[in-house]
Amino acid sequence: MKKQKRREYQSSDLVKSFARIHGFEDKLVAFEIKDFLEDYLDESLFNEIIRVDLKEKIIIIKIGSPLLKNDFKMRKSFYLKKFHDKFGEEKFNDLYII
């Protein structure tokens, strides 16, 4: 595991505190989910993902490719479990693919 530099760690805490104060923690989690998908998926597949949002504990992933959209819908429970394992079950409880 890559060790963060002290300054990076402090910046991360600062951003999280700012997000908590101003109420956009969900957007930060959505960015983390998109980063996870970028690492997990092939580059060509990841480029088909248009947007990732988190609203009211529901992950919303907008996908441009009909084939990839169908694949995500068929493997919805698999991806939801991956997200729960990575980010915790308390952050979201459902996954919508649009």
PDB file of N, CA and C in Angstrom:
ATOM      1  N   MET A   1       0.840  -1.178   0.000  1.00  0.00           N
ATOM      2  CA  MET A   1       0.000   0.000   0.000  1.00  0.00           C
ATOM      3  C   MET A   1       0.885   1.240   0.000  1.00  0.00           C
ATOM      4  N   LYS A   2       0.528   2.167  -0.847  1.00  0.00           N
ATOM      5  CA  LYS A   2       1.303   3.390  -0.982  1.00  0.00           C
ATOM      6  C   LYS A   2       1.106   4.280   0.239  1.00  0.00           C
ATOM      7  N   LYS A   3       2.199   4.717   0.816  1.00  0.00           N
ATOM      8  CA  LYS A   3       2.135   5.580   1.988  1.00  0.00           C
ATOM      9  C   LYS A   3       1.976   7.027   1.539  1.00  0.00           C
ATOM     10  N   GLN A   4       0.983   7.705   2.106  1.00  0.00           N
ATOM     11  CA  GLN A   4       0.760   9.098   1.747  1.00  0.00           C
ATOM     12  C   GLN A   4       1.758  10.001   2.456  1.00  0.00           C
ATOM     13  N   LYS A   5       2.123  11.039   1.768  1.00  0.00           N
ATOM     14  CA  LYS A   5       2.967  12.036   2.404  1.00  0.00           C
ATOM     15  C   LYS A   5       2.115  12.800   3.403  1.00  0.00           C
ATOM     16  N   ARG A   6       2.754  13.372   4.382  1.00  0.00           N
ATOM     17  CA  ARG A   6       2.031  14.087   5.438  1.00  0.00           C
ATOM     18  C   ARG A   6       1.161  15.200   4.858  1.00  0.00           C
ATOM     19  N   ARG A   7       1.676  15.938   3.924  1.00  0.00           N
ATOM     20  CA  ARG A   7       0.928  17.050   3.344  1.00  0.00           C
ATOM     21  C   ARG A   7      -0.292  16.540   2.571  1.00  0.00           C
ATOM     22  N   GLU A   8      -0.144  15.453   1.826  1.00  0.00           N
ATOM     23  CA  GLU A   8      -1.276  14.888   1.097  1.00  0.00           C
ATOM     24  C   GLU A   8      -2.369  14.458   2.059  1.00  0.00           C
ATOM     25  N   TYR A   9      -1.982  13.843   3.150  1.00  0.00           N
ATOM     26  CA  TYR A   9      -2.955  13.391   4.135  1.00  0.00           C
ATOM     27  C   TYR A   9      -3.706  14.583   4.713  1.00  0.00           C
ATOM     28  N   GLN A  10      -2.995  15.647   5.038  1.00  0.00           N
ATOM     29  CA  GLN A  10      -3.636  16.830   5.600  1.00  0.00           C
ATOM     30  C   GLN A  10      -4.571  17.471   4.583  1.00  0.00           C
ATOM     31  N   SER A  11      -4.183  17.518   3.320  1.00  0.00           N
ATOM     32  CA  SER A  11      -5.042  18.091   2.286  1.00  0.00           C
ATOM     33  C   SER A  11      -6.316  17.278   2.142  1.00  0.00           C
ATOM     34  N   SER A  12      -6.174  15.961   2.184  1.00  0.00           N
ATOM     35  CA  SER A  12      -7.337  15.098   2.072  1.00  0.00           C
ATOM     36  C   SER A  12      -8.308  15.348   3.226  1.00  0.00           C
ATOM     37  N   ASP A  13      -7.792  15.459   4.424  1.00  0.00           N
ATOM     38  CA  ASP A  13      -8.644  15.746   5.583  1.00  0.00           C
ATOM     39  C   ASP A  13      -9.304  17.110   5.454  1.00  0.00           C
ATOM     40  N   LEU A  14      -8.576  18.071   4.926  1.00  0.00           N
ATOM     41  CA  LEU A  14      -9.119  19.413   4.740  1.00  0.00           C
ATOM     42  C   LEU A  14     -10.276  19.400   3.750  1.00  0.00           C
ATOM     43  N   VAL A  15     -10.110  18.691   2.650  1.00  0.00           N
ATOM     44  CA  VAL A  15     -11.170  18.599   1.645  1.00  0.00           C
ATOM     45  C   VAL A  15     -12.393  17.894   2.222  1.00  0.00           C
ATOM     46  N   LYS A  16     -12.167  16.814   2.973  1.00  0.00           N
ATOM     47  CA  LYS A  16     -13.288  16.091   3.573  1.00  0.00           C
ATOM     48  C   LYS A  16     -14.028  16.958   4.595  1.00  0.00           C
ATOM     49  N   SER A  17     -13.301  17.731   5.376  1.00  0.00           N
ATOM     50  CA  SER A  17     -13.925  18.627   6.348  1.00  0.00           C
ATOM     51  C   SER A  17     -14.736  19.706   5.642  1.00  0.00           C
ATOM     52  N   PHE A  18     -14.167  20.265   4.593  1.00  0.00           N
ATOM     53  CA  PHE A  18     -14.860  21.293   3.813  1.00  0.00           C
ATOM     54  C   PHE A  18     -16.139  20.719   3.208  1.00  0.00           C
ATOM     55  N   ALA A  19     -16.059  19.499   2.662  1.00  0.00           N
ATOM     56  CA  ALA A  19     -17.230  18.852   2.069  1.00  0.00           C
ATOM     57  C   ALA A  19     -18.301  18.596   3.127  1.00  0.00           C
ATOM     58  N   ARG A  20     -17.891  18.176   4.304  1.00  0.00           N
ATOM     59  CA  ARG A  20     -18.840  17.908   5.385  1.00  0.00           C
ATOM     60  C   ARG A  20     -19.548  19.195   5.795  1.00  0.00           C
ATOM     61  N   ILE A  21     -18.807  20.284   5.908  1.00  0.00           N
ATOM     62  CA  ILE A  21     -19.379  21.571   6.319  1.00  0.00           C
ATOM     63  C   ILE A  21     -20.375  22.086   5.290  1.00  0.00           C
ATOM     64  N   HIS A  22     -20.035  21.961   4.011  1.00  0.00           N
ATOM     65  CA  HIS A  22     -20.860  22.534   2.948  1.00  0.00           C
ATOM     66  C   HIS A  22     -21.829  21.541   2.324  1.00  0.00           C
ATOM     67  N   GLY A  23     -21.839  20.303   2.796  1.00  0.00           N
ATOM     68  CA  GLY A  23     -22.862  19.340   2.416  1.00  0.00           C
ATOM     69  C   GLY A  23     -22.692  18.675   1.063  1.00  0.00           C
ATOM     70  N   PHE A  24     -21.492  18.507   0.587  1.00  0.00           N
ATOM     71  CA  PHE A  24     -21.324  17.759  -0.652  1.00  0.00           C
ATOM     72  C   PHE A  24     -20.401  16.563  -0.483  1.00  0.00           C
ATOM     73  N   GLU A  25     -20.580  15.861   0.624  1.00  0.00           N
ATOM     74  CA  GLU A  25     -19.828  14.618   0.859  1.00  0.00           C
ATOM     75  C   GLU A  25     -20.162  13.558  -0.183  1.00  0.00           C
ATOM     76  N   ASP A  26     -21.433  13.541  -0.619  1.00  0.00           N
ATOM     77  CA  ASP A  26     -21.858  12.551  -1.610  1.00  0.00           C
ATOM     78  C   ASP A  26     -21.076  12.695  -2.909  1.00  0.00           C
ATOM     79  N   LYS A  27     -20.770  13.927  -3.289  1.00  0.00           N
ATOM     80  CA  LYS A  27     -20.027  14.154  -4.528  1.00  0.00           C
ATOM     81  C   LYS A  27     -18.605  13.595  -4.421  1.00  0.00           C
ATOM     82  N   LEU A  28     -17.995  13.729  -3.239  1.00  0.00           N
ATOM     83  CA  LEU A  28     -16.660  13.166  -3.040  1.00  0.00           C
ATOM     84  C   LEU A  28     -16.677  11.647  -3.150  1.00  0.00           C
ATOM     85  N   VAL A  29     -17.697  11.022  -2.583  1.00  0.00           N
ATOM     86  CA  VAL A  29     -17.819   9.563  -2.674  1.00  0.00           C
ATOM     87  C   VAL A  29     -18.038   9.155  -4.131  1.00  0.00           C
ATOM     88  N   ALA A  30     -18.828   9.940  -4.877  1.00  0.00           N
ATOM     89  CA  ALA A  30     -19.048   9.650  -6.301  1.00  0.00           C
ATOM     90  C   ALA A  30     -17.729   9.717  -7.071  1.00  0.00           C
ATOM     91  N   PHE A  31     -16.882  10.699  -6.744  1.00  0.00           N
ATOM     92  CA  PHE A  31     -15.561  10.789  -7.383  1.00  0.00           C
ATOM     93  C   PHE A  31     -14.711   9.566  -7.045  1.00  0.00           C
ATOM     94  N   GLU A  32     -14.789   9.110  -5.803  1.00  0.00           N
ATOM     95  CA  GLU A  32     -14.026   7.925  -5.395  1.00  0.00           C
ATOM     96  C   GLU A  32     -14.512   6.682  -6.145  1.00  0.00           C
ATOM     97  N   ILE A  33     -15.838   6.574  -6.333  1.00  0.00           N
ATOM     98  CA  ILE A  33     -16.406   5.446  -7.074  1.00  0.00           C
ATOM     99  C   ILE A  33     -15.934   5.488  -8.524  1.00  0.00           C
ATOM    100  N   LYS A  34     -15.936   6.679  -9.114  1.00  0.00           N
ATOM    101  CA  LYS A  34     -15.485   6.805 -10.506  1.00  0.00           C
ATOM    102  C   LYS A  34     -14.003   6.451 -10.624  1.00  0.00           C
ATOM    103  N   ASP A  35     -13.196   6.874  -9.653  1.00  0.00           N
ATOM    104  CA  ASP A  35     -11.774   6.499  -9.650  1.00  0.00           C
ATOM    105  C   ASP A  35     -11.605   4.986  -9.537  1.00  0.00           C
ATOM    106  N   PHE A  36     -12.423   4.362  -8.686  1.00  0.00           N
ATOM    107  CA  PHE A  36     -12.375   2.908  -8.536  1.00  0.00           C
ATOM    108  C   PHE A  36     -12.718   2.223  -9.865  1.00  0.00           C
ATOM    109  N   LEU A  37     -13.755   2.708 -10.543  1.00  0.00           N
ATOM    110  CA  LEU A  37     -14.145   2.125 -11.825  1.00  0.00           C
ATOM    111  C   LEU A  37     -13.057   2.318 -12.876  1.00  0.00           C
ATOM    112  N   GLU A  38     -12.372   3.446 -12.824  1.00  0.00           N
ATOM    113  CA  GLU A  38     -11.288   3.692 -13.768  1.00  0.00           C
ATOM    114  C   GLU A  38     -10.172   2.665 -13.586  1.00  0.00           C
ATOM    115  N   ASP A  39      -9.872   2.329 -12.339  1.00  0.00           N
ATOM    116  CA  ASP A  39      -8.845   1.324 -12.063  1.00  0.00           C
ATOM    117  C   ASP A  39      -9.343  -0.085 -12.384  1.00  0.00           C
ATOM    118  N   TYR A  40     -10.613  -0.344 -12.152  1.00  0.00           N
ATOM    119  CA  TYR A  40     -11.169  -1.690 -12.284  1.00  0.00           C
ATOM    120  C   TYR A  40     -11.450  -2.066 -13.741  1.00  0.00           C
ATOM    121  N   LEU A  41     -11.972  -1.118 -14.513  1.00  0.00           N
ATOM    122  CA  LEU A  41     -12.377  -1.401 -15.885  1.00  0.00           C
ATOM    123  C   LEU A  41     -11.248  -1.112 -16.875  1.00  0.00           C
ATOM    124  N   ASP A  42     -11.359  -1.711 -18.032  1.00  0.00           N
ATOM    125  CA  ASP A  42     -10.471  -1.402 -19.144  1.00  0.00           C
ATOM    126  C   ASP A  42     -10.713   0.054 -19.583  1.00  0.00           C
ATOM    127  N   GLU A  43      -9.708   0.691 -20.149  1.00  0.00           N
ATOM    128  CA  GLU A  43      -9.818   2.107 -20.529  1.00  0.00           C
ATOM    129  C   GLU A  43     -10.965   2.356 -21.504  1.00  0.00           C
ATOM    130  N   SER A  44     -11.123   1.477 -22.494  1.00  0.00           N
ATOM    131  CA  SER A  44     -12.195   1.663 -23.478  1.00  0.00           C
ATOM    132  C   SER A  44     -13.581   1.534 -22.828  1.00  0.00           C
ATOM    133  N   LEU A  45     -13.708   0.636 -21.876  1.00  0.00           N
ATOM    134  CA  LEU A  45     -14.986   0.503 -21.157  1.00  0.00           C
ATOM    135  C   LEU A  45     -15.228   1.694 -20.248  1.00  0.00           C
ATOM    136  N   PHE A  46     -14.192   2.139 -19.561  1.00  0.00           N
ATOM    137  CA  PHE A  46     -14.348   3.271 -18.661  1.00  0.00           C
ATOM    138  C   PHE A  46     -14.751   4.536 -19.422  1.00  0.00           C
ATOM    139  N   ASN A  47     -14.260   4.693 -20.646  1.00  0.00           N
ATOM    140  CA  ASN A  47     -14.595   5.880 -21.436  1.00  0.00           C
ATOM    141  C   ASN A  47     -16.075   5.937 -21.787  1.00  0.00           C
ATOM    142  N   GLU A  48     -16.792   4.826 -21.696  1.00  0.00           N
ATOM    143  CA  GLU A  48     -18.233   4.801 -21.951  1.00  0.00           C
ATOM    144  C   GLU A  48     -19.055   5.309 -20.758  1.00  0.00           C
ATOM    145  N   ILE A  49     -18.425   5.423 -19.595  1.00  0.00           N
ATOM    146  CA  ILE A  49     -19.139   5.924 -18.411  1.00  0.00           C
ATOM    147  C   ILE A  49     -19.184   7.442 -18.493  1.00  0.00           C
ATOM    148  N   ILE A  50     -20.389   7.966 -18.562  1.00  0.00           N
ATOM    149  CA  ILE A  50     -20.583   9.404 -18.729  1.00  0.00           C
ATOM    150  C   ILE A  50     -20.551  10.125 -17.392  1.00  0.00           C
ATOM    151  N   ARG A  51     -21.242   9.559 -16.404  1.00  0.00           N
ATOM    152  CA  ARG A  51     -21.369  10.260 -15.130  1.00  0.00           C
ATOM    153  C   ARG A  51     -21.615   9.265 -14.004  1.00  0.00           C
ATOM    154  N   VAL A  52     -21.087   9.597 -12.818  1.00  0.00           N
ATOM    155  CA  VAL A  52     -21.353   8.826 -11.608  1.00  0.00           C
ATOM    156  C   VAL A  52     -21.834   9.814 -10.552  1.00  0.00           C
ATOM    157  N   ASP A  53     -23.001   9.555  -9.986  1.00  0.00           N
ATOM    158  CA  ASP A  53     -23.562  10.407  -8.932  1.00  0.00           C
ATOM    159  C   ASP A  53     -23.964   9.550  -7.742  1.00  0.00           C
ATOM    160  N   LEU A  54     -24.101  10.207  -6.613  1.00  0.00           N
ATOM    161  CA  LEU A  54     -24.612   9.563  -5.404  1.00  0.00           C
ATOM    162  C   LEU A  54     -25.662  10.492  -4.813  1.00  0.00           C
ATOM    163  N   LYS A  55     -26.913  10.029  -4.829  1.00  0.00           N
ATOM    164  CA  LYS A  55     -28.020  10.830  -4.301  1.00  0.00           C
ATOM    165  C   LYS A  55     -28.867   9.962  -3.398  1.00  0.00           C
ATOM    166  N   GLU A  56     -29.072  10.429  -2.197  1.00  0.00           N
ATOM    167  CA  GLU A  56     -29.926   9.749  -1.219  1.00  0.00           C
ATOM    168  C   GLU A  56     -29.540   8.274  -1.085  1.00  0.00           C
ATOM    169  N   LYS A  57     -28.235   8.010  -0.947  1.00  0.00           N
ATOM    170  CA  LYS A  57     -27.672   6.674  -0.761  1.00  0.00           C
ATOM    171  C   LYS A  57     -27.908   5.743  -1.948  1.00  0.00           C
ATOM    172  N   ILE A  58     -28.074   6.323  -3.150  1.00  0.00           N
ATOM    173  CA  ILE A  58     -28.232   5.528  -4.368  1.00  0.00           C
ATOM    174  C   ILE A  58     -27.148   5.956  -5.349  1.00  0.00           C
ATOM    175  N   ILE A  59     -26.358   5.001  -5.812  1.00  0.00           N
ATOM    176  CA  ILE A  59     -25.339   5.272  -6.822  1.00  0.00           C
ATOM    177  C   ILE A  59     -26.031   5.277  -8.176  1.00  0.00           C
ATOM    178  N   ILE A  60     -25.811   6.330  -8.948  1.00  0.00           N
ATOM    179  CA  ILE A  60     -26.385   6.443 -10.283  1.00  0.00           C
ATOM    180  C   ILE A  60     -25.225   6.522 -11.271  1.00  0.00           C
ATOM    181  N   ILE A  61     -25.157   5.534 -12.162  1.00  0.00           N
ATOM    182  CA  ILE A  61     -24.096   5.494 -13.165  1.00  0.00           C
ATOM    183  C   ILE A  61     -24.750   5.628 -14.537  1.00  0.00           C
ATOM    184  N   LYS A  62     -24.362   6.687 -15.260  1.00  0.00           N
ATOM    185  CA  LYS A  62     -24.876   6.903 -16.614  1.00  0.00           C
ATOM    186  C   LYS A  62     -23.827   6.385 -17.591  1.00  0.00           C
ATOM    187  N   ILE A  63     -24.262   5.467 -18.471  1.00  0.00           N
ATOM    188  CA  ILE A  63     -23.363   4.798 -19.407  1.00  0.00           C
ATOM    189  C   ILE A  63     -23.849   5.046 -20.833  1.00  0.00           C
ATOM    190  N   GLY A  64     -22.922   5.378 -21.720  1.00  0.00           N
ATOM    191  CA  GLY A  64     -23.266   5.668 -23.104  1.00  0.00           C
ATOM    192  C   GLY A  64     -23.476   4.429 -23.959  1.00  0.00           C
ATOM    193  N   SER A  65     -22.712   3.394 -23.752  1.00  0.00           N
ATOM    194  CA  SER A  65     -22.781   2.179 -24.570  1.00  0.00           C
ATOM    195  C   SER A  65     -23.926   1.270 -24.119  1.00  0.00           C
ATOM    196  N   PRO A  66     -24.825   0.901 -25.038  1.00  0.00           N
ATOM    197  CA  PRO A  66     -25.914  -0.014 -24.668  1.00  0.00           C
ATOM    198  C   PRO A  66     -25.407  -1.381 -24.188  1.00  0.00           C
ATOM    199  N   LEU A  67     -24.327  -1.879 -24.780  1.00  0.00           N
ATOM    200  CA  LEU A  67     -23.788  -3.176 -24.366  1.00  0.00           C
ATOM    201  C   LEU A  67     -23.237  -3.131 -22.944  1.00  0.00           C
ATOM    202  N   LEU A  68     -22.461  -2.093 -22.642  1.00  0.00           N
ATOM    203  CA  LEU A  68     -21.909  -1.965 -21.295  1.00  0.00           C
ATOM    204  C   LEU A  68     -23.019  -1.704 -20.284  1.00  0.00           C
ATOM    205  N   LYS A  69     -24.009  -0.918 -20.680  1.00  0.00           N
ATOM    206  CA  LYS A  69     -25.150  -0.652 -19.800  1.00  0.00           C
ATOM    207  C   LYS A  69     -25.861  -1.955 -19.446  1.00  0.00           C
ATOM    208  N   ASN A  70     -26.073  -2.813 -20.434  1.00  0.00           N
ATOM    209  CA  ASN A  70     -26.718  -4.107 -20.199  1.00  0.00           C
ATOM    210  C   ASN A  70     -25.857  -4.981 -19.291  1.00  0.00           C
ATOM    211  N   ASP A  71     -24.529  -4.976 -19.509  1.00  0.00           N
ATOM    212  CA  ASP A  71     -23.617  -5.752 -18.672  1.00  0.00           C
ATOM    213  C   ASP A  71     -23.688  -5.288 -17.214  1.00  0.00           C
ATOM    214  N   PHE A  72     -23.684  -3.978 -17.002  1.00  0.00           N
ATOM    215  CA  PHE A  72     -23.780  -3.454 -15.641  1.00  0.00           C
ATOM    216  C   PHE A  72     -25.114  -3.836 -15.000  1.00  0.00           C
ATOM    217  N   LYS A  73     -26.198  -3.782 -15.777  1.00  0.00           N
ATOM    218  CA  LYS A  73     -27.506  -4.139 -15.229  1.00  0.00           C
ATOM    219  C   LYS A  73     -27.555  -5.614 -14.841  1.00  0.00           C
ATOM    220  N   MET A  74     -26.946  -6.466 -15.678  1.00  0.00           N
ATOM    221  CA  MET A  74     -26.948  -7.906 -15.382  1.00  0.00           C
ATOM    222  C   MET A  74     -26.074  -8.217 -14.161  1.00  0.00           C
ATOM    223  N   ARG A  75     -25.012  -7.452 -13.959  1.00  0.00           N
ATOM    224  CA  ARG A  75     -24.091  -7.701 -12.852  1.00  0.00           C
ATOM    225  C   ARG A  75     -24.245  -6.664 -11.740  1.00  0.00           C
ATOM    226  N   LYS A  76     -25.416  -6.102 -11.614  1.00  0.00           N
ATOM    227  CA  LYS A  76     -25.681  -5.049 -10.637  1.00  0.00           C
ATOM    228  C   LYS A  76     -25.303  -5.462  -9.220  1.00  0.00           C
ATOM    229  N   SER A  77     -25.703  -6.633  -8.795  1.00  0.00           N
ATOM    230  CA  SER A  77     -25.408  -7.073  -7.424  1.00  0.00           C
ATOM    231  C   SER A  77     -23.907  -7.267  -7.225  1.00  0.00           C
ATOM    232  N   PHE A  78     -23.206  -7.725  -8.261  1.00  0.00           N
ATOM    233  CA  PHE A  78     -21.751  -7.883  -8.188  1.00  0.00           C
ATOM    234  C   PHE A  78     -21.079  -6.533  -7.963  1.00  0.00           C
ATOM    235  N   TYR A  79     -21.455  -5.535  -8.758  1.00  0.00           N
ATOM    236  CA  TYR A  79     -20.853  -4.210  -8.616  1.00  0.00           C
ATOM    237  C   TYR A  79     -21.229  -3.566  -7.281  1.00  0.00           C
ATOM    238  N   LEU A  80     -22.462  -3.728  -6.864  1.00  0.00           N
ATOM    239  CA  LEU A  80     -22.881  -3.166  -5.575  1.00  0.00           C
ATOM    240  C   LEU A  80     -22.081  -3.783  -4.439  1.00  0.00           C
ATOM    241  N   LYS A  81     -21.849  -5.091  -4.503  1.00  0.00           N
ATOM    242  CA  LYS A  81     -21.028  -5.743  -3.475  1.00  0.00           C
ATOM    243  C   LYS A  81     -19.591  -5.218  -3.510  1.00  0.00           C
ATOM    244  N   LYS A  82     -19.031  -5.032  -4.704  1.00  0.00           N
ATOM    245  CA  LYS A  82     -17.684  -4.465  -4.833  1.00  0.00           C
ATOM    246  C   LYS A  82     -17.620  -3.079  -4.180  1.00  0.00           C
ATOM    247  N   PHE A  83     -18.625  -2.257  -4.439  1.00  0.00           N
ATOM    248  CA  PHE A  83     -18.653  -0.905  -3.860  1.00  0.00           C
ATOM    249  C   PHE A  83     -18.811  -0.959  -2.350  1.00  0.00           C
ATOM    250  N   HIS A  84     -19.643  -1.880  -1.864  1.00  0.00           N
ATOM    251  CA  HIS A  84     -19.802  -2.035  -0.408  1.00  0.00           C
ATOM    252  C   HIS A  84     -18.489  -2.460   0.234  1.00  0.00           C
ATOM    253  N   ASP A  85     -17.796  -3.410  -0.396  1.00  0.00           N
ATOM    254  CA  ASP A  85     -16.519  -3.872   0.150  1.00  0.00           C
ATOM    255  C   ASP A  85     -15.485  -2.758   0.180  1.00  0.00           C
ATOM    256  N   LYS A  86     -15.482  -1.944  -0.849  1.00  0.00           N
ATOM    257  CA  LYS A  86     -14.469  -0.892  -0.976  1.00  0.00           C
ATOM    258  C   LYS A  86     -14.777   0.332  -0.102  1.00  0.00           C
ATOM    259  N   PHE A  87     -16.058   0.752  -0.051  1.00  0.00           N
ATOM    260  CA  PHE A  87     -16.410   2.014   0.585  1.00  0.00           C
ATOM    261  C   PHE A  87     -17.271   1.876   1.839  1.00  0.00           C
ATOM    262  N   GLY A  88     -17.773   0.695   2.113  1.00  0.00           N
ATOM    263  CA  GLY A  88     -18.613   0.490   3.289  1.00  0.00           C
ATOM    264  C   GLY A  88     -20.088   0.457   2.924  1.00  0.00           C
ATOM    265  N   GLU A  89     -20.827  -0.371   3.625  1.00  0.00           N
ATOM    266  CA  GLU A  89     -22.248  -0.557   3.320  1.00  0.00           C
ATOM    267  C   GLU A  89     -23.120   0.614   3.747  1.00  0.00           C
ATOM    268  N   GLU A  90     -22.652   1.416   4.688  1.00  0.00           N
ATOM    269  CA  GLU A  90     -23.482   2.501   5.210  1.00  0.00           C
ATOM    270  C   GLU A  90     -23.594   3.693   4.262  1.00  0.00           C
ATOM    271  N   LYS A  91     -22.761   3.784   3.248  1.00  0.00           N
ATOM    272  CA  LYS A  91     -22.744   4.948   2.360  1.00  0.00           C
ATOM    273  C   LYS A  91     -23.820   4.894   1.291  1.00  0.00           C
ATOM    274  N   PHE A  92     -24.216   3.695   0.846  1.00  0.00           N
ATOM    275  CA  PHE A  92     -25.252   3.573  -0.177  1.00  0.00           C
ATOM    276  C   PHE A  92     -25.899   2.204  -0.082  1.00  0.00           C
ATOM    277  N   ASN A  93     -27.119   2.139  -0.650  1.00  0.00           N
ATOM    278  CA  ASN A  93     -27.861   0.881  -0.541  1.00  0.00           C
ATOM    279  C   ASN A  93     -28.439   0.386  -1.866  1.00  0.00           C
ATOM    280  N   ASP A  94     -28.237   1.135  -2.965  1.00  0.00           N
ATOM    281  CA  ASP A  94     -28.741   0.678  -4.251  1.00  0.00           C
ATOM    282  C   ASP A  94     -27.891   1.254  -5.374  1.00  0.00           C
ATOM    283  N   LEU A  95     -28.051   0.675  -6.564  1.00  0.00           N
ATOM    284  CA  LEU A  95     -27.287   1.069  -7.734  1.00  0.00           C
ATOM    285  C   LEU A  95     -28.235   1.161  -8.918  1.00  0.00           C
ATOM    286  N   TYR A  96     -28.285   2.337  -9.549  1.00  0.00           N
ATOM    287  CA  TYR A  96     -29.097   2.531 -10.767  1.00  0.00           C
ATOM    288  C   TYR A  96     -28.154   2.704 -11.940  1.00  0.00           C
ATOM    289  N   ILE A  97     -28.478   2.033 -13.027  1.00  0.00           N
ATOM    290  CA  ILE A  97     -27.727   2.163 -14.273  1.00  0.00           C
ATOM    291  C   ILE A  97     -28.659   2.826 -15.277  1.00  0.00           C
ATOM    292  N   ILE A  98     -28.251   3.989 -15.769  1.00  0.00           N
ATOM    293  CA  ILE A  98     -29.096   4.698 -16.754  1.00  0.00           C
ATOM    294  C   ILE A  98     -28.308   4.980 -18.020  1.00  0.00           C
TER     295      ILE A  98
END
